[in-house]
Amino acid sequence: RTGGTLPKDRHPSRIEYRAQELPRQAKKLGLDLN
């Protein structure tokens, strides 16, 4: 309803960025992340 796109339907560059960014942020915050 607000113009967003589900993760699985995003452009490959966005999917690749998310795959890098989530672990970086988790490490920075001291949180385990799968």
PDB file of all heavy atoms in Angstrom:
ATOM      1  N   ARG A   1       0.801  -1.232   0.000  1.00  0.00           N
ATOM      2  CA  ARG A   1       0.000   0.000   0.000  1.00  0.00           C
ATOM      3  C   ARG A   1       0.828   1.274   0.000  1.00  0.00           C
ATOM      4  O   ARG A   1       0.273   2.366  -0.152  1.00  0.00           O
ATOM      5  CB  ARG A   1      -0.944  -0.035   1.197  1.00  0.00           C
ATOM      6  CG  ARG A   1      -1.990  -1.140   1.033  1.00  0.00           C
ATOM      7  CD  ARG A   1      -2.903  -1.249   2.205  1.00  0.00           C
ATOM      8  NE  ARG A   1      -3.611  -0.003   2.473  1.00  0.00           N
ATOM      9  CZ  ARG A   1      -4.412   0.169   3.524  1.00  0.00           C
ATOM     10  NH1 ARG A   1      -4.606  -0.823   4.377  1.00  0.00           N
ATOM     11  NH2 ARG A   1      -5.014   1.321   3.718  1.00  0.00           N
ATOM     12  N   THR A   2       2.147   1.149   0.197  1.00  0.00           N
ATOM     13  CA  THR A   2       2.965   2.363   0.288  1.00  0.00           C
ATOM     14  C   THR A   2       4.128   2.373  -0.705  1.00  0.00           C
ATOM     15  O   THR A   2       5.068   3.150  -0.553  1.00  0.00           O
ATOM     16  CB  THR A   2       3.521   2.543   1.721  1.00  0.00           C
ATOM     17  OG1 THR A   2       4.330   1.402   2.066  1.00  0.00           O
ATOM     18  CG2 THR A   2       2.395   2.699   2.734  1.00  0.00           C
ATOM     19  N   GLY A   3       4.059   1.501  -1.694  1.00  0.00           N
ATOM     20  CA  GLY A   3       5.078   1.531  -2.731  1.00  0.00           C
ATOM     21  C   GLY A   3       6.324   0.739  -2.428  1.00  0.00           C
ATOM     22  O   GLY A   3       7.342   0.891  -3.121  1.00  0.00           O
ATOM     23  N   GLY A   4       6.294  -0.107  -1.423  1.00  0.00           N
ATOM     24  CA  GLY A   4       7.452  -0.930  -1.087  1.00  0.00           C
ATOM     25  C   GLY A   4       7.498  -2.198  -1.918  1.00  0.00           C
ATOM     26  O   GLY A   4       6.534  -2.551  -2.599  1.00  0.00           O
ATOM     27  N   THR A   5       8.624  -2.875  -1.834  1.00  0.00           N
ATOM     28  CA  THR A   5       8.834  -4.126  -2.561  1.00  0.00           C
ATOM     29  C   THR A   5       9.319  -5.181  -1.583  1.00  0.00           C
ATOM     30  O   THR A   5      10.200  -4.909  -0.760  1.00  0.00           O
ATOM     31  CB  THR A   5       9.893  -3.942  -3.671  1.00  0.00           C
ATOM     32  OG1 THR A   5       9.483  -2.865  -4.508  1.00  0.00           O
ATOM     33  CG2 THR A   5      10.041  -5.196  -4.508  1.00  0.00           C
ATOM     34  N   LEU A   6       8.757  -6.372  -1.661  1.00  0.00           N
ATOM     35  CA  LEU A   6       9.210  -7.464  -0.792  1.00  0.00           C
ATOM     36  C   LEU A   6      10.679  -7.772  -1.068  1.00  0.00           C
ATOM     37  O   LEU A   6      11.127  -7.656  -2.221  1.00  0.00           O
ATOM     38  CB  LEU A   6       8.362  -8.712  -1.034  1.00  0.00           C
ATOM     39  CG  LEU A   6       6.895  -8.623  -0.624  1.00  0.00           C
ATOM     40  CD1 LEU A   6       6.162  -9.886  -1.043  1.00  0.00           C
ATOM     41  CD2 LEU A   6       6.774  -8.401   0.868  1.00  0.00           C
ATOM     42  N   PRO A   7      11.429  -8.187  -0.043  1.00  0.00           N
ATOM     43  CA  PRO A   7      12.859  -8.474  -0.248  1.00  0.00           C
ATOM     44  C   PRO A   7      13.136  -9.397  -1.430  1.00  0.00           C
ATOM     45  O   PRO A   7      14.056  -9.152  -2.208  1.00  0.00           O
ATOM     46  CB  PRO A   7      13.283  -9.095   1.088  1.00  0.00           C
ATOM     47  CG  PRO A   7      12.373  -8.463   2.087  1.00  0.00           C
ATOM     48  CD  PRO A   7      11.057  -8.316   1.374  1.00  0.00           C
ATOM     49  N   LYS A   8      12.337 -10.436  -1.594  1.00  0.00           N
ATOM     50  CA  LYS A   8      12.589 -11.409  -2.661  1.00  0.00           C
ATOM     51  C   LYS A   8      12.376 -10.827  -4.062  1.00  0.00           C
ATOM     52  O   LYS A   8      12.884 -11.356  -5.041  1.00  0.00           O
ATOM     53  CB  LYS A   8      11.704 -12.645  -2.471  1.00  0.00           C
ATOM     54  CG  LYS A   8      10.216 -12.401  -2.695  1.00  0.00           C
ATOM     55  CD  LYS A   8       9.399 -13.666  -2.504  1.00  0.00           C
ATOM     56  CE  LYS A   8       7.921 -13.440  -2.735  1.00  0.00           C
ATOM     57  NZ  LYS A   8       7.593 -13.019  -4.072  1.00  0.00           N
ATOM     58  N   ASP A   9      11.625  -9.728  -4.145  1.00  0.00           N
ATOM     59  CA  ASP A   9      11.304  -9.136  -5.443  1.00  0.00           C
ATOM     60  C   ASP A   9      12.161  -7.917  -5.774  1.00  0.00           C
ATOM     61  O   ASP A   9      11.948  -7.276  -6.805  1.00  0.00           O
ATOM     62  CB  ASP A   9       9.821  -8.731  -5.476  1.00  0.00           C
ATOM     63  CG  ASP A   9       8.895  -9.928  -5.319  1.00  0.00           C
ATOM     64  OD1 ASP A   9       9.269 -11.024  -5.794  1.00  0.00           O
ATOM     65  OD2 ASP A   9       7.823  -9.765  -4.706  1.00  0.00           O
ATOM     66  N   ARG A  10      13.113  -7.601  -4.918  1.00  0.00           N
ATOM     67  CA  ARG A  10      13.928  -6.411  -5.140  1.00  0.00           C
ATOM     68  C   ARG A  10      15.006  -6.659  -6.191  1.00  0.00           C
ATOM     69  O   ARG A  10      15.369  -7.804  -6.477  1.00  0.00           O
ATOM     70  CB  ARG A  10      14.555  -5.955  -3.819  1.00  0.00           C
ATOM     71  CG  ARG A  10      13.503  -5.445  -2.844  1.00  0.00           C
ATOM     72  CD  ARG A  10      14.062  -5.116  -1.485  1.00  0.00           C
ATOM     73  NE  ARG A  10      12.955  -4.764  -0.589  1.00  0.00           N
ATOM     74  CZ  ARG A  10      13.036  -4.775   0.726  1.00  0.00           C
ATOM     75  NH1 ARG A  10      14.166  -5.105   1.337  1.00  0.00           N
ATOM     76  NH2 ARG A  10      11.998  -4.443   1.459  1.00  0.00           N
ATOM     77  N   HIS A  11      15.504  -5.592  -6.717  1.00  0.00           N
ATOM     78  CA  HIS A  11      16.590  -5.666  -7.700  1.00  0.00           C
ATOM     79  C   HIS A  11      17.794  -6.369  -7.060  1.00  0.00           C
ATOM     80  O   HIS A  11      18.042  -6.202  -5.856  1.00  0.00           O
ATOM     81  CB  HIS A  11      16.973  -4.245  -8.137  1.00  0.00           C
ATOM     82  CG  HIS A  11      17.949  -4.206  -9.256  1.00  0.00           C
ATOM     83  ND1 HIS A  11      19.308  -4.295  -9.053  1.00  0.00           N
ATOM     84  CD2 HIS A  11      17.758  -4.110 -10.596  1.00  0.00           C
ATOM     85  CE1 HIS A  11      19.927  -4.239 -10.217  1.00  0.00           C
ATOM     86  NE2 HIS A  11      19.009  -4.127 -11.176  1.00  0.00           N
ATOM     87  N   PRO A  12      18.552  -7.155  -7.836  1.00  0.00           N
ATOM     88  CA  PRO A  12      19.707  -7.873  -7.269  1.00  0.00           C
ATOM     89  C   PRO A  12      20.690  -6.977  -6.514  1.00  0.00           C
ATOM     90  O   PRO A  12      21.247  -7.404  -5.494  1.00  0.00           O
ATOM     91  CB  PRO A  12      20.370  -8.496  -8.498  1.00  0.00           C
ATOM     92  CG  PRO A  12      19.246  -8.714  -9.448  1.00  0.00           C
ATOM     93  CD  PRO A  12      18.320  -7.536  -9.239  1.00  0.00           C
ATOM     94  N   SER A  13      20.880  -5.751  -6.948  1.00  0.00           N
ATOM     95  CA  SER A  13      21.814  -4.871  -6.247  1.00  0.00           C
ATOM     96  C   SER A  13      21.322  -4.556  -4.836  1.00  0.00           C
ATOM     97  O   SER A  13      22.119  -4.466  -3.896  1.00  0.00           O
ATOM     98  CB  SER A  13      22.052  -3.583  -7.029  1.00  0.00           C
ATOM     99  OG  SER A  13      20.843  -2.863  -7.187  1.00  0.00           O
ATOM    100  N   ARG A  14      20.007  -4.424  -4.666  1.00  0.00           N
ATOM    101  CA  ARG A  14      19.441  -4.177  -3.341  1.00  0.00           C
ATOM    102  C   ARG A  14      19.537  -5.434  -2.457  1.00  0.00           C
ATOM    103  O   ARG A  14      19.821  -5.336  -1.266  1.00  0.00           O
ATOM    104  CB  ARG A  14      17.981  -3.728  -3.450  1.00  0.00           C
ATOM    105  CG  ARG A  14      17.823  -2.355  -4.071  1.00  0.00           C
ATOM    106  CD  ARG A  14      16.353  -1.994  -4.217  1.00  0.00           C
ATOM    107  NE  ARG A  14      16.181  -0.665  -4.770  1.00  0.00           N
ATOM    108  CZ  ARG A  14      16.050   0.447  -4.050  1.00  0.00           C
ATOM    109  NH1 ARG A  14      16.066   0.378  -2.732  1.00  0.00           N
ATOM    110  NH2 ARG A  14      15.898   1.610  -4.638  1.00  0.00           N
ATOM    111  N   ILE A  15      19.307  -6.571  -3.061  1.00  0.00           N
ATOM    112  CA  ILE A  15      19.420  -7.833  -2.321  1.00  0.00           C
ATOM    113  C   ILE A  15      20.857  -8.053  -1.853  1.00  0.00           C
ATOM    114  O   ILE A  15      21.107  -8.434  -0.700  1.00  0.00           O
ATOM    115  CB  ILE A  15      18.931  -9.006  -3.201  1.00  0.00           C
ATOM    116  CG1 ILE A  15      17.416  -8.874  -3.454  1.00  0.00           C
ATOM    117  CG2 ILE A  15      19.251 -10.352  -2.550  1.00  0.00           C
ATOM    118  CD1 ILE A  15      16.870  -9.846  -4.479  1.00  0.00           C
ATOM    119  N   GLU A  16      21.805  -7.776  -2.731  1.00  0.00           N
ATOM    120  CA  GLU A  16      23.223  -7.931  -2.377  1.00  0.00           C
ATOM    121  C   GLU A  16      23.631  -6.952  -1.293  1.00  0.00           C
ATOM    122  O   GLU A  16      24.375  -7.310  -0.365  1.00  0.00           O
ATOM    123  CB  GLU A  16      24.090  -7.731  -3.623  1.00  0.00           C
ATOM    124  CG  GLU A  16      23.947  -8.860  -4.639  1.00  0.00           C
ATOM    125  CD  GLU A  16      24.488  -8.495  -6.005  1.00  0.00           C
ATOM    126  OE1 GLU A  16      25.092  -7.402  -6.147  1.00  0.00           O
ATOM    127  OE2 GLU A  16      24.290  -9.294  -6.945  1.00  0.00           O
ATOM    128  N   TYR A  17      23.150  -5.730  -1.371  1.00  0.00           N
ATOM    129  CA  TYR A  17      23.482  -4.743  -0.344  1.00  0.00           C
ATOM    130  C   TYR A  17      22.932  -5.168   1.017  1.00  0.00           C
ATOM    131  O   TYR A  17      23.624  -5.095   2.038  1.00  0.00           O
ATOM    132  CB  TYR A  17      22.941  -3.356  -0.713  1.00  0.00           C
ATOM    133  CG  TYR A  17      23.325  -2.321   0.314  1.00  0.00           C
ATOM    134  CD1 TYR A  17      24.593  -1.751   0.299  1.00  0.00           C
ATOM    135  CD2 TYR A  17      22.441  -1.940   1.316  1.00  0.00           C
ATOM    136  CE1 TYR A  17      24.962  -0.817   1.263  1.00  0.00           C
ATOM    137  CE2 TYR A  17      22.797  -1.020   2.279  1.00  0.00           C
ATOM    138  CZ  TYR A  17      24.060  -0.458   2.247  1.00  0.00           C
ATOM    139  OH  TYR A  17      24.431   0.445   3.203  1.00  0.00           O
ATOM    140  N   ARG A  18      21.682  -5.612   1.029  1.00  0.00           N
ATOM    141  CA  ARG A  18      21.059  -6.083   2.278  1.00  0.00           C
ATOM    142  C   ARG A  18      21.877  -7.222   2.889  1.00  0.00           C
ATOM    143  O   ARG A  18      22.062  -7.283   4.109  1.00  0.00           O
ATOM    144  CB  ARG A  18      19.628  -6.547   1.989  1.00  0.00           C
ATOM    145  CG  ARG A  18      18.841  -7.042   3.180  1.00  0.00           C
ATOM    146  CD  ARG A  18      17.428  -7.437   2.711  1.00  0.00           C
ATOM    147  NE  ARG A  18      16.568  -7.882   3.782  1.00  0.00           N
ATOM    148  CZ  ARG A  18      16.509  -9.123   4.244  1.00  0.00           C
ATOM    149  NH1 ARG A  18      17.288 -10.065   3.720  1.00  0.00           N
ATOM    150  NH2 ARG A  18      15.679  -9.442   5.213  1.00  0.00           N
ATOM    151  N   ALA A  19      22.384  -8.118   2.037  1.00  0.00           N
ATOM    152  CA  ALA A  19      23.173  -9.258   2.516  1.00  0.00           C
ATOM    153  C   ALA A  19      24.487  -8.820   3.146  1.00  0.00           C
ATOM    154  O   ALA A  19      25.048  -9.534   3.987  1.00  0.00           O
ATOM    155  CB  ALA A  19      23.439 -10.234   1.372  1.00  0.00           C
ATOM    156  N   GLN A  20      24.987  -7.667   2.757  1.00  0.00           N
ATOM    157  CA  GLN A  20      26.202  -7.131   3.378  1.00  0.00           C
ATOM    158  C   GLN A  20      25.879  -6.282   4.609  1.00  0.00           C
ATOM    159  O   GLN A  20      26.567  -6.347   5.618  1.00  0.00           O
ATOM    160  CB  GLN A  20      26.988  -6.285   2.368  1.00  0.00           C
ATOM    161  CG  GLN A  20      27.605  -7.064   1.247  1.00  0.00           C
ATOM    162  CD  GLN A  20      28.428  -6.184   0.320  1.00  0.00           C
ATOM    163  OE1 GLN A  20      28.417  -4.960   0.416  1.00  0.00           O
ATOM    164  NE2 GLN A  20      29.143  -6.825  -0.592  1.00  0.00           N
ATOM    165  N   GLU A  21      24.838  -5.481   4.477  1.00  0.00           N
ATOM    166  CA  GLU A  21      24.533  -4.503   5.519  1.00  0.00           C
ATOM    167  C   GLU A  21      24.014  -5.129   6.810  1.00  0.00           C
ATOM    168  O   GLU A  21      24.407  -4.706   7.903  1.00  0.00           O
ATOM    169  CB  GLU A  21      23.528  -3.481   4.977  1.00  0.00           C
ATOM    170  CG  GLU A  21      23.103  -2.414   5.972  1.00  0.00           C
ATOM    171  CD  GLU A  21      24.208  -1.448   6.380  1.00  0.00           C
ATOM    172  OE1 GLU A  21      25.360  -1.578   5.905  1.00  0.00           O
ATOM    173  OE2 GLU A  21      23.923  -0.565   7.196  1.00  0.00           O
ATOM    174  N   LEU A  22      23.145  -6.122   6.708  1.00  0.00           N
ATOM    175  CA  LEU A  22      22.605  -6.725   7.928  1.00  0.00           C
ATOM    176  C   LEU A  22      23.705  -7.310   8.818  1.00  0.00           C
ATOM    177  O   LEU A  22      23.744  -7.022  10.020  1.00  0.00           O
ATOM    178  CB  LEU A  22      21.545  -7.778   7.587  1.00  0.00           C
ATOM    179  CG  LEU A  22      20.188  -7.240   7.152  1.00  0.00           C
ATOM    180  CD1 LEU A  22      19.289  -8.370   6.665  1.00  0.00           C
ATOM    181  CD2 LEU A  22      19.504  -6.493   8.293  1.00  0.00           C
ATOM    182  N   PRO A  23      24.631  -8.135   8.288  1.00  0.00           N
ATOM    183  CA  PRO A  23      25.700  -8.646   9.153  1.00  0.00           C
ATOM    184  C   PRO A  23      26.610  -7.549   9.702  1.00  0.00           C
ATOM    185  O   PRO A  23      27.072  -7.640  10.840  1.00  0.00           O
ATOM    186  CB  PRO A  23      26.477  -9.602   8.230  1.00  0.00           C
ATOM    187  CG  PRO A  23      25.502  -9.995   7.176  1.00  0.00           C
ATOM    188  CD  PRO A  23      24.648  -8.776   6.962  1.00  0.00           C
ATOM    189  N   ARG A  24      26.865  -6.511   8.908  1.00  0.00           N
ATOM    190  CA  ARG A  24      27.699  -5.405   9.406  1.00  0.00           C
ATOM    191  C   ARG A  24      27.054  -4.743  10.606  1.00  0.00           C
ATOM    192  O   ARG A  24      27.695  -4.492  11.632  1.00  0.00           O
ATOM    193  CB  ARG A  24      27.898  -4.352   8.307  1.00  0.00           C
ATOM    194  CG  ARG A  24      28.981  -4.644   7.328  1.00  0.00           C
ATOM    195  CD  ARG A  24      29.397  -3.397   6.564  1.00  0.00           C
ATOM    196  NE  ARG A  24      28.321  -2.754   5.848  1.00  0.00           N
ATOM    197  CZ  ARG A  24      28.146  -2.829   4.527  1.00  0.00           C
ATOM    198  NH1 ARG A  24      28.978  -3.538   3.781  1.00  0.00           N
ATOM    199  NH2 ARG A  24      27.146  -2.182   3.955  1.00  0.00           N
ATOM    200  N   GLN A  25      25.748  -4.436  10.465  1.00  0.00           N
ATOM    201  CA  GLN A  25      25.044  -3.765  11.564  1.00  0.00           C
ATOM    202  C   GLN A  25      24.958  -4.668  12.799  1.00  0.00           C
ATOM    203  O   GLN A  25      25.111  -4.197  13.926  1.00  0.00           O
ATOM    204  CB  GLN A  25      23.649  -3.330  11.105  1.00  0.00           C
ATOM    205  CG  GLN A  25      23.655  -2.218  10.083  1.00  0.00           C
ATOM    206  CD  GLN A  25      24.289  -0.949  10.616  1.00  0.00           C
ATOM    207  OE1 GLN A  25      24.019  -0.531  11.738  1.00  0.00           O
ATOM    208  NE2 GLN A  25      25.145  -0.342   9.822  1.00  0.00           N
ATOM    209  N   ALA A  26      24.709  -5.954  12.582  1.00  0.00           N
ATOM    210  CA  ALA A  26      24.637  -6.885  13.713  1.00  0.00           C
ATOM    211  C   ALA A  26      25.963  -6.937  14.457  1.00  0.00           C
ATOM    212  O   ALA A  26      26.001  -6.914  15.696  1.00  0.00           O
ATOM    213  CB  ALA A  26      24.243  -8.277  13.224  1.00  0.00           C
ATOM    214  N   LYS A  27      27.057  -6.985  13.702  1.00  0.00           N
ATOM    215  CA  LYS A  27      28.384  -7.027  14.328  1.00  0.00           C
ATOM    216  C   LYS A  27      28.644  -5.747  15.109  1.00  0.00           C
ATOM    217  O   LYS A  27      29.145  -5.776  16.237  1.00  0.00           O
ATOM    218  CB  LYS A  27      29.451  -7.235  13.255  1.00  0.00           C
ATOM    219  CG  LYS A  27      30.837  -7.438  13.818  1.00  0.00           C
ATOM    220  CD  LYS A  27      31.826  -7.828  12.728  1.00  0.00           C
ATOM    221  CE  LYS A  27      33.189  -8.137  13.334  1.00  0.00           C
ATOM    222  NZ  LYS A  27      34.159  -8.536  12.290  1.00  0.00           N
ATOM    223  N   LYS A  28      28.289  -4.629  14.529  1.00  0.00           N
ATOM    224  CA  LYS A  28      28.480  -3.337  15.190  1.00  0.00           C
ATOM    225  C   LYS A  28      27.713  -3.269  16.508  1.00  0.00           C
ATOM    226  O   LYS A  28      28.185  -2.688  17.490  1.00  0.00           O
ATOM    227  CB  LYS A  28      28.027  -2.224  14.238  1.00  0.00           C
ATOM    228  CG  LYS A  28      28.310  -0.835  14.738  1.00  0.00           C
ATOM    229  CD  LYS A  28      28.073   0.195  13.649  1.00  0.00           C
ATOM    230  CE  LYS A  28      26.626   0.575  13.565  1.00  0.00           C
ATOM    231  NZ  LYS A  28      26.396   1.729  12.666  1.00  0.00           N
ATOM    232  N   LEU A  29      26.543  -3.898  16.524  1.00  0.00           N
ATOM    233  CA  LEU A  29      25.673  -3.843  17.701  1.00  0.00           C
ATOM    234  C   LEU A  29      25.886  -5.006  18.667  1.00  0.00           C
ATOM    235  O   LEU A  29      25.242  -5.077  19.704  1.00  0.00           O
ATOM    236  CB  LEU A  29      24.217  -3.819  17.243  1.00  0.00           C
ATOM    237  CG  LEU A  29      23.816  -2.570  16.449  1.00  0.00           C
ATOM    238  CD1 LEU A  29      22.501  -2.795  15.705  1.00  0.00           C
ATOM    239  CD2 LEU A  29      23.726  -1.356  17.367  1.00  0.00           C
ATOM    240  N   GLY A  30      26.780  -5.942  18.302  1.00  0.00           N
ATOM    241  CA  GLY A  30      27.056  -7.078  19.172  1.00  0.00           C
ATOM    242  C   GLY A  30      25.930  -8.089  19.228  1.00  0.00           C
ATOM    243  O   GLY A  30      25.725  -8.759  20.245  1.00  0.00           O
ATOM    244  N   LEU A  31      25.187  -8.224  18.121  1.00  0.00           N
ATOM    245  CA  LEU A  31      24.069  -9.164  18.071  1.00  0.00           C
ATOM    246  C   LEU A  31      24.375 -10.310  17.120  1.00  0.00           C
ATOM    247  O   LEU A  31      24.941 -10.099  16.045  1.00  0.00           O
ATOM    248  CB  LEU A  31      22.805  -8.451  17.579  1.00  0.00           C
ATOM    249  CG  LEU A  31      22.225  -7.365  18.491  1.00  0.00           C
ATOM    250  CD1 LEU A  31      21.120  -6.604  17.764  1.00  0.00           C
ATOM    251  CD2 LEU A  31      21.682  -7.965  19.772  1.00  0.00           C
ATOM    252  N   ASP A  32      24.001 -11.519  17.510  1.00  0.00           N
ATOM    253  CA  ASP A  32      24.105 -12.662  16.605  1.00  0.00           C
ATOM    254  C   ASP A  32      23.050 -12.503  15.517  1.00  0.00           C
ATOM    255  O   ASP A  32      21.946 -12.025  15.779  1.00  0.00           O
ATOM    256  CB  ASP A  32      23.864 -13.970  17.361  1.00  0.00           C
ATOM    257  CG  ASP A  32      24.960 -14.268  18.376  1.00  0.00           C
ATOM    258  OD1 ASP A  32      26.115 -13.863  18.134  1.00  0.00           O
ATOM    259  OD2 ASP A  32      24.653 -14.890  19.407  1.00  0.00           O
ATOM    260  N   LEU A  33      23.387 -12.917  14.303  1.00  0.00           N
ATOM    261  CA  LEU A  33      22.432 -12.814  13.203  1.00  0.00           C
ATOM    262  C   LEU A  33      22.679 -13.925  12.207  1.00  0.00           C
ATOM    263  O   LEU A  33      23.809 -14.155  11.780  1.00  0.00           O
ATOM    264  CB  LEU A  33      22.579 -11.465  12.486  1.00  0.00           C
ATOM    265  CG  LEU A  33      21.722 -11.291  11.239  1.00  0.00           C
ATOM    266  CD1 LEU A  33      20.289 -10.943  11.619  1.00  0.00           C
ATOM    267  CD2 LEU A  33      22.293 -10.230  10.309  1.00  0.00           C
ATOM    268  N   ASN A  34      21.606 -14.613  11.851  1.00  0.00           N
ATOM    269  CA  ASN A  34      21.656 -15.577  10.762  1.00  0.00           C
ATOM    270  C   ASN A  34      20.969 -14.920   9.579  1.00  0.00           C
ATOM    271  O   ASN A  34      19.763 -14.668   9.616  1.00  0.00           O
ATOM    272  CB  ASN A  34      20.944 -16.874  11.144  1.00  0.00           C
ATOM    273  CG  ASN A  34      21.024 -17.915  10.044  1.00  0.00           C
ATOM    274  OD1 ASN A  34      21.391 -17.620   8.909  1.00  0.00           O
ATOM    275  ND2 ASN A  34      20.689 -19.140  10.378  1.00  0.00           N
TER     276      ASN A  34
END
